[in-house]
Amino acid sequence: MAHAHYGFRLSSDNPIVFKNTGVKSVFEDDFIFPISKYYILIRTLGNFNMEQVPHSFNFILDMMLFKQGTIYCCCCNREYLEMIIKYSENYQIEDLKRLLFK
């Protein structure tokens, strides 16, 4: 479990990011799941020894959550949400997954 740097998170109706497309179960693939504003559950079959993730990881994760949300996406900080919306226009979901799971 990794610790996030800042005190707010983006939330969406589709919060689990799977490494591969089309996966429906947490038992089938690596995944990233933001548990709270401070903690992120990262399940990987590879090596991962990071206790605190960098800001860039959090930003990429939030763009991913925004792009894969289908019903809602929200954040307690409007300016941050607007920034996520703006920057996520430059990325496809597969690009963000590659960045998150590298």
N, C-alpha and C. Protein backbone atom coordinates (compact mmCIF):
# COMPACT_ATOMS: atom_id res chain seq x y z
N MET A 1 0.85 -1.17 0.00
CA MET A 1 0.00 0.00 0.00
C MET A 1 0.90 1.23 0.00
N ALA A 2 0.60 2.16 -0.88
CA ALA A 2 1.40 3.36 -1.00
C ALA A 2 0.64 4.54 -0.40
N HIS A 3 1.38 5.53 0.03
CA HIS A 3 0.83 6.73 0.64
C HIS A 3 0.86 7.86 -0.38
N ALA A 4 -0.26 8.56 -0.53
CA ALA A 4 -0.35 9.68 -1.46
C ALA A 4 0.15 10.96 -0.78
N HIS A 5 0.69 11.89 -1.56
CA HIS A 5 1.30 13.11 -1.04
C HIS A 5 0.31 14.15 -0.55
N TYR A 6 -0.76 14.35 -1.24
CA TYR A 6 -1.63 15.49 -0.94
C TYR A 6 -2.92 15.07 -0.27
N GLY A 7 -3.70 16.04 0.19
CA GLY A 7 -4.86 15.75 1.00
C GLY A 7 -6.19 15.66 0.28
N PHE A 8 -6.19 15.59 -1.04
CA PHE A 8 -7.46 15.37 -1.75
C PHE A 8 -7.22 14.42 -2.91
N ARG A 9 -8.27 13.75 -3.30
CA ARG A 9 -8.21 12.75 -4.38
C ARG A 9 -9.38 12.96 -5.31
N LEU A 10 -9.22 12.51 -6.49
CA LEU A 10 -10.31 12.48 -7.44
C LEU A 10 -11.07 11.18 -7.20
N SER A 11 -12.36 11.21 -7.31
CA SER A 11 -13.18 10.02 -7.10
C SER A 11 -14.07 9.82 -8.32
N SER A 12 -14.28 8.54 -8.69
CA SER A 12 -15.16 8.27 -9.82
C SER A 12 -15.94 6.98 -9.56
N ASP A 13 -16.88 6.71 -10.45
CA ASP A 13 -17.71 5.52 -10.32
C ASP A 13 -16.97 4.26 -10.78
N ASN A 14 -15.77 4.38 -11.31
CA ASN A 14 -14.99 3.25 -11.79
C ASN A 14 -13.57 3.38 -11.24
N PRO A 15 -13.37 3.13 -9.93
CA PRO A 15 -12.12 3.49 -9.26
C PRO A 15 -10.96 2.50 -9.37
N ILE A 16 -11.19 1.30 -9.88
CA ILE A 16 -10.10 0.33 -9.97
C ILE A 16 -9.48 0.39 -11.36
N VAL A 17 -8.17 0.63 -11.41
CA VAL A 17 -7.45 0.69 -12.67
C VAL A 17 -6.72 -0.63 -12.86
N PHE A 18 -7.14 -1.41 -13.85
CA PHE A 18 -6.49 -2.67 -14.16
C PHE A 18 -5.39 -2.43 -15.18
N LYS A 19 -4.34 -3.23 -15.09
CA LYS A 19 -3.21 -3.10 -16.00
C LYS A 19 -3.63 -3.41 -17.44
N ASN A 20 -4.44 -4.43 -17.62
CA ASN A 20 -4.86 -4.86 -18.95
C ASN A 20 -6.33 -4.55 -19.19
N THR A 21 -6.67 -4.29 -20.42
CA THR A 21 -8.04 -3.98 -20.80
C THR A 21 -8.92 -5.23 -20.76
N GLY A 22 -10.16 -5.06 -20.33
CA GLY A 22 -11.13 -6.14 -20.35
C GLY A 22 -11.15 -7.01 -19.10
N VAL A 23 -10.32 -6.74 -18.12
CA VAL A 23 -10.28 -7.51 -16.90
C VAL A 23 -11.44 -7.08 -16.01
N LYS A 24 -12.11 -8.04 -15.39
CA LYS A 24 -13.28 -7.73 -14.55
C LYS A 24 -13.10 -8.12 -13.09
N SER A 25 -11.99 -8.80 -12.76
CA SER A 25 -11.80 -9.30 -11.39
C SER A 25 -10.42 -8.91 -10.87
N VAL A 26 -10.37 -8.55 -9.60
CA VAL A 26 -9.08 -8.22 -8.97
C VAL A 26 -8.18 -9.44 -8.84
N PHE A 27 -8.70 -10.63 -9.06
CA PHE A 27 -7.89 -11.84 -8.98
C PHE A 27 -7.21 -12.17 -10.30
N GLU A 28 -7.53 -11.44 -11.36
CA GLU A 28 -7.02 -11.74 -12.69
C GLU A 28 -5.82 -10.91 -13.12
N ASP A 29 -5.59 -9.77 -12.52
CA ASP A 29 -4.60 -8.84 -13.07
C ASP A 29 -4.05 -7.91 -12.01
N ASP A 30 -2.96 -7.23 -12.35
CA ASP A 30 -2.44 -6.16 -11.51
C ASP A 30 -3.46 -5.02 -11.51
N PHE A 31 -3.55 -4.30 -10.40
CA PHE A 31 -4.49 -3.18 -10.34
C PHE A 31 -4.02 -2.12 -9.36
N ILE A 32 -4.62 -0.94 -9.50
CA ILE A 32 -4.39 0.20 -8.61
C ILE A 32 -5.76 0.66 -8.13
N PHE A 33 -5.90 0.82 -6.82
CA PHE A 33 -7.19 1.21 -6.24
C PHE A 33 -6.96 2.26 -5.16
N PRO A 34 -7.36 3.52 -5.41
CA PRO A 34 -7.24 4.54 -4.37
C PRO A 34 -8.26 4.28 -3.26
N ILE A 35 -7.77 4.00 -2.07
CA ILE A 35 -8.63 3.64 -0.94
C ILE A 35 -9.17 4.89 -0.23
N SER A 36 -8.32 5.86 -0.06
CA SER A 36 -8.71 7.10 0.61
C SER A 36 -7.85 8.23 0.05
N LYS A 37 -8.00 9.41 0.62
CA LYS A 37 -7.20 10.52 0.12
C LYS A 37 -5.72 10.35 0.42
N TYR A 38 -5.36 9.43 1.31
CA TYR A 38 -3.96 9.23 1.65
C TYR A 38 -3.39 7.88 1.25
N TYR A 39 -4.22 6.91 0.91
CA TYR A 39 -3.71 5.56 0.65
C TYR A 39 -4.19 5.01 -0.69
N ILE A 40 -3.26 4.32 -1.36
CA ILE A 40 -3.53 3.68 -2.64
C ILE A 40 -3.11 2.22 -2.51
N LEU A 41 -4.02 1.32 -2.84
CA LEU A 41 -3.70 -0.11 -2.85
C LEU A 41 -3.19 -0.46 -4.24
N ILE A 42 -1.98 -0.99 -4.30
CA ILE A 42 -1.37 -1.39 -5.56
C ILE A 42 -1.09 -2.88 -5.48
N ARG A 43 -1.73 -3.64 -6.35
CA ARG A 43 -1.50 -5.09 -6.40
C ARG A 43 -0.72 -5.38 -7.67
N THR A 44 0.43 -6.00 -7.51
CA THR A 44 1.25 -6.34 -8.65
C THR A 44 1.95 -7.66 -8.40
N LEU A 45 2.15 -8.41 -9.46
CA LEU A 45 2.90 -9.66 -9.36
C LEU A 45 4.39 -9.40 -9.49
N GLY A 46 4.75 -8.18 -9.90
CA GLY A 46 6.16 -7.80 -10.01
C GLY A 46 6.66 -7.19 -8.72
N ASN A 47 7.84 -6.62 -8.76
CA ASN A 47 8.43 -5.97 -7.59
C ASN A 47 7.91 -4.55 -7.46
N PHE A 48 7.54 -4.18 -6.25
CA PHE A 48 7.08 -2.82 -5.97
C PHE A 48 7.43 -2.53 -4.52
N ASN A 49 8.41 -1.68 -4.30
CA ASN A 49 8.88 -1.39 -2.95
C ASN A 49 8.73 0.08 -2.58
N MET A 50 7.75 0.74 -3.13
CA MET A 50 7.56 2.16 -2.88
C MET A 50 6.50 2.35 -1.80
N GLU A 51 6.83 3.09 -0.75
CA GLU A 51 5.85 3.38 0.30
C GLU A 51 5.15 4.71 0.08
N GLN A 52 5.81 5.61 -0.63
CA GLN A 52 5.20 6.90 -0.91
C GLN A 52 5.35 7.17 -2.40
N VAL A 53 4.23 7.42 -3.07
CA VAL A 53 4.26 7.64 -4.51
C VAL A 53 4.49 9.12 -4.82
N PRO A 54 5.15 9.41 -5.92
CA PRO A 54 5.40 10.82 -6.29
C PRO A 54 4.13 11.50 -6.78
N HIS A 55 4.15 12.83 -6.77
CA HIS A 55 3.01 13.62 -7.24
C HIS A 55 2.61 13.25 -8.67
N SER A 56 3.60 12.99 -9.51
CA SER A 56 3.29 12.67 -10.90
C SER A 56 2.44 11.40 -11.01
N PHE A 57 2.69 10.40 -10.18
CA PHE A 57 1.89 9.18 -10.18
C PHE A 57 0.45 9.49 -9.81
N ASN A 58 0.26 10.29 -8.78
CA ASN A 58 -1.09 10.67 -8.34
C ASN A 58 -1.84 11.43 -9.43
N PHE A 59 -1.14 12.31 -10.10
CA PHE A 59 -1.76 13.10 -11.16
C PHE A 59 -2.18 12.20 -12.32
N ILE A 60 -1.32 11.28 -12.72
CA ILE A 60 -1.64 10.34 -13.80
C ILE A 60 -2.81 9.44 -13.37
N LEU A 61 -2.79 8.97 -12.13
CA LEU A 61 -3.89 8.14 -11.63
C LEU A 61 -5.21 8.90 -11.67
N ASP A 62 -5.19 10.15 -11.26
CA ASP A 62 -6.42 10.93 -11.27
C ASP A 62 -6.93 11.18 -12.69
N MET A 63 -6.01 11.40 -13.65
CA MET A 63 -6.44 11.53 -15.04
C MET A 63 -7.08 10.22 -15.51
N MET A 64 -6.49 9.10 -15.11
CA MET A 64 -7.03 7.80 -15.50
C MET A 64 -8.43 7.60 -14.91
N LEU A 65 -8.60 7.92 -13.63
CA LEU A 65 -9.92 7.78 -13.00
C LEU A 65 -10.95 8.65 -13.69
N PHE A 66 -10.55 9.85 -14.09
CA PHE A 66 -11.47 10.73 -14.81
C PHE A 66 -11.86 10.12 -16.15
N LYS A 67 -10.88 9.63 -16.89
CA LYS A 67 -11.16 9.11 -18.23
C LYS A 67 -11.98 7.83 -18.22
N GLN A 68 -11.81 6.99 -17.19
CA GLN A 68 -12.57 5.73 -17.19
C GLN A 68 -13.89 5.84 -16.42
N GLY A 69 -14.16 6.96 -15.81
CA GLY A 69 -15.46 7.15 -15.16
C GLY A 69 -16.57 7.24 -16.20
N THR A 70 -17.73 6.69 -15.88
CA THR A 70 -18.84 6.72 -16.84
C THR A 70 -20.05 7.50 -16.34
N ILE A 71 -20.25 7.57 -15.04
CA ILE A 71 -21.42 8.27 -14.50
C ILE A 71 -21.01 9.55 -13.78
N TYR A 72 -19.98 9.46 -12.94
CA TYR A 72 -19.56 10.67 -12.22
C TYR A 72 -18.06 10.67 -11.96
N CYS A 73 -17.57 11.85 -11.73
CA CYS A 73 -16.19 12.07 -11.32
C CYS A 73 -16.22 13.35 -10.49
N CYS A 74 -15.61 13.32 -9.32
CA CYS A 74 -15.67 14.50 -8.46
C CYS A 74 -14.38 14.66 -7.66
N CYS A 75 -14.22 15.84 -7.11
CA CYS A 75 -13.05 16.17 -6.29
C CYS A 75 -13.45 17.33 -5.39
N CYS A 76 -12.88 17.39 -4.20
CA CYS A 76 -13.22 18.48 -3.29
C CYS A 76 -12.53 19.79 -3.68
N ASN A 77 -11.63 19.74 -4.67
CA ASN A 77 -10.91 20.92 -5.12
C ASN A 77 -11.26 21.17 -6.59
N ARG A 78 -12.09 22.16 -6.84
CA ARG A 78 -12.57 22.42 -8.20
C ARG A 78 -11.45 22.75 -9.17
N GLU A 79 -10.48 23.55 -8.75
CA GLU A 79 -9.37 23.91 -9.64
C GLU A 79 -8.57 22.67 -10.05
N TYR A 80 -8.38 21.76 -9.12
CA TYR A 80 -7.65 20.53 -9.43
C TYR A 80 -8.44 19.69 -10.43
N LEU A 81 -9.74 19.56 -10.22
CA LEU A 81 -10.58 18.79 -11.14
C LEU A 81 -10.54 19.41 -12.54
N GLU A 82 -10.62 20.73 -12.63
CA GLU A 82 -10.54 21.39 -13.93
C GLU A 82 -9.20 21.15 -14.61
N MET A 83 -8.13 21.11 -13.83
CA MET A 83 -6.81 20.83 -14.38
C MET A 83 -6.73 19.39 -14.89
N ILE A 84 -7.30 18.45 -14.15
CA ILE A 84 -7.33 17.05 -14.58
C ILE A 84 -8.09 16.93 -15.89
N ILE A 85 -9.23 17.57 -15.99
CA ILE A 85 -10.04 17.53 -17.22
C ILE A 85 -9.23 18.07 -18.39
N LYS A 86 -8.58 19.19 -18.19
CA LYS A 86 -7.81 19.83 -19.26
C LYS A 86 -6.65 18.94 -19.72
N TYR A 87 -5.84 18.45 -18.79
CA TYR A 87 -4.66 17.68 -19.17
C TYR A 87 -5.00 16.28 -19.69
N SER A 88 -6.11 15.72 -19.23
CA SER A 88 -6.47 14.37 -19.66
C SER A 88 -6.88 14.33 -21.14
N GLU A 89 -7.22 15.48 -21.71
CA GLU A 89 -7.55 15.53 -23.13
C GLU A 89 -6.37 15.13 -24.01
N ASN A 90 -5.16 15.24 -23.49
CA ASN A 90 -3.95 14.93 -24.25
C ASN A 90 -3.56 13.45 -24.19
N TYR A 91 -4.31 12.63 -23.46
CA TYR A 91 -3.94 11.23 -23.26
C TYR A 91 -5.08 10.28 -23.58
N GLN A 92 -4.73 9.12 -24.07
CA GLN A 92 -5.66 8.02 -24.23
C GLN A 92 -5.54 7.13 -22.99
N ILE A 93 -6.56 6.34 -22.70
CA ILE A 93 -6.53 5.46 -21.53
C ILE A 93 -5.32 4.53 -21.56
N GLU A 94 -5.02 3.95 -22.70
CA GLU A 94 -3.89 3.02 -22.78
C GLU A 94 -2.56 3.71 -22.49
N ASP A 95 -2.41 4.97 -22.89
CA ASP A 95 -1.20 5.73 -22.59
C ASP A 95 -1.04 5.92 -21.08
N LEU A 96 -2.13 6.26 -20.41
CA LEU A 96 -2.09 6.46 -18.96
C LEU A 96 -1.79 5.16 -18.23
N LYS A 97 -2.36 4.04 -18.69
CA LYS A 97 -2.08 2.73 -18.08
C LYS A 97 -0.59 2.39 -18.18
N ARG A 98 -0.01 2.65 -19.35
CA ARG A 98 1.42 2.37 -19.52
C ARG A 98 2.26 3.18 -18.54
N LEU A 99 1.90 4.43 -18.35
CA LEU A 99 2.64 5.29 -17.41
C LEU A 99 2.48 4.81 -15.96
N LEU A 100 1.29 4.38 -15.61
CA LEU A 100 1.03 3.93 -14.24
C LEU A 100 1.72 2.62 -13.90
N PHE A 101 1.76 1.69 -14.85
CA PHE A 101 2.26 0.36 -14.56
C PHE A 101 3.69 0.11 -15.00
N LYS A 102 4.40 1.15 -15.45
CA LYS A 102 5.80 0.94 -15.87
C LYS A 102 6.70 0.71 -14.69
